[in-house]
């Protein structure tokens, strides 16, 4: 993934404390989130690309161009911070995403949609940004900002935008690279061309507390609240994340052909989708893999962490004679 240190406006800022934040803190946090998503979407070089859906189970990219802005506006209207919608048609069209089981379901759900011009959606985003900025500048803070506070809707919009910054980057990685341009000043992390040592190390046992308190001083989604205390026994864990090079050894050992490493559901998924390697690896010939980054294709960086799904990670662990950490263990480690 690209590093963002050369783009100060793209370096993701820390989540803010809602009992002592200033108006400037809120505005800076909002602008940071907005710029992250805008810069990502501006990397799409041709308007026609916005009418593609690089993932067959997700909307066309133009939906995501408008979605985050519409989410802000609809939430702010509902809590009374914005008196009127900006564009009621857009605020219906871009409000709710899709979660189909098959590409045919997606086609059925979206076949009658007439998508607007890309420039119109960019204009909507600018109008939305101006409206949100005025709300931040003029709404009484009345700290702390808690779930019943009108500005909670603003925080919800900001965190929602950050989620889509991540998920949209995955969509762009499935778009042909000729439609994309690496943002100015953005570089990829270095790769040293060799697999670093990755020894198992002992993690001491202890009490792990999961969940988020109701009076926590940062924003949280509904699913984060509640509490659970679990005693974790001592265990061994790898000292580093599993790398592409380590996972390549699993592939070379026939890991994707041996059903003994995959439980029933995961093997069925692998067979149905003809999966032979991680999603963002490209098989150049029978022995060499390229790597699809967000904006480019290059040689597989063997020392970067591998990106695989749950099924693939479990199969790798089975091959190694280990297992994935549980959530309490992960928090302990």
Foldseek 3Di string as FASTA:
>chain_A
DWDCVQPVLAPQDDFDFQFDDDLVNLLSNQSSLVVLQVLLVPQQADQVQQCDFLDLQWHRNLLVLQQLLLLLQVLLCVLPLDVDGDDVVSNVVNHDIGGDPGSVVVCVVPVPDDDDGSVVSVVSSVVSSVSVSVSSVPPDSPDRDAPNHSCLSVVVSSVVSVVCSVVVLVRLLSGPLVRGDDRPRIGHDDFPQDADDKDKDKFAKAKFKAADDRPGRGDDDPVRHDIDIDTGHIDIDIPDAQFQQNVVVCLVVVLLPDCVLFPDVLVVVCVVVVDRDAPQWDDPDPRAIWGRGSNDIGGGRRHHHDDHDPRSQSSSQSVVVHGDDDPRVVRSD
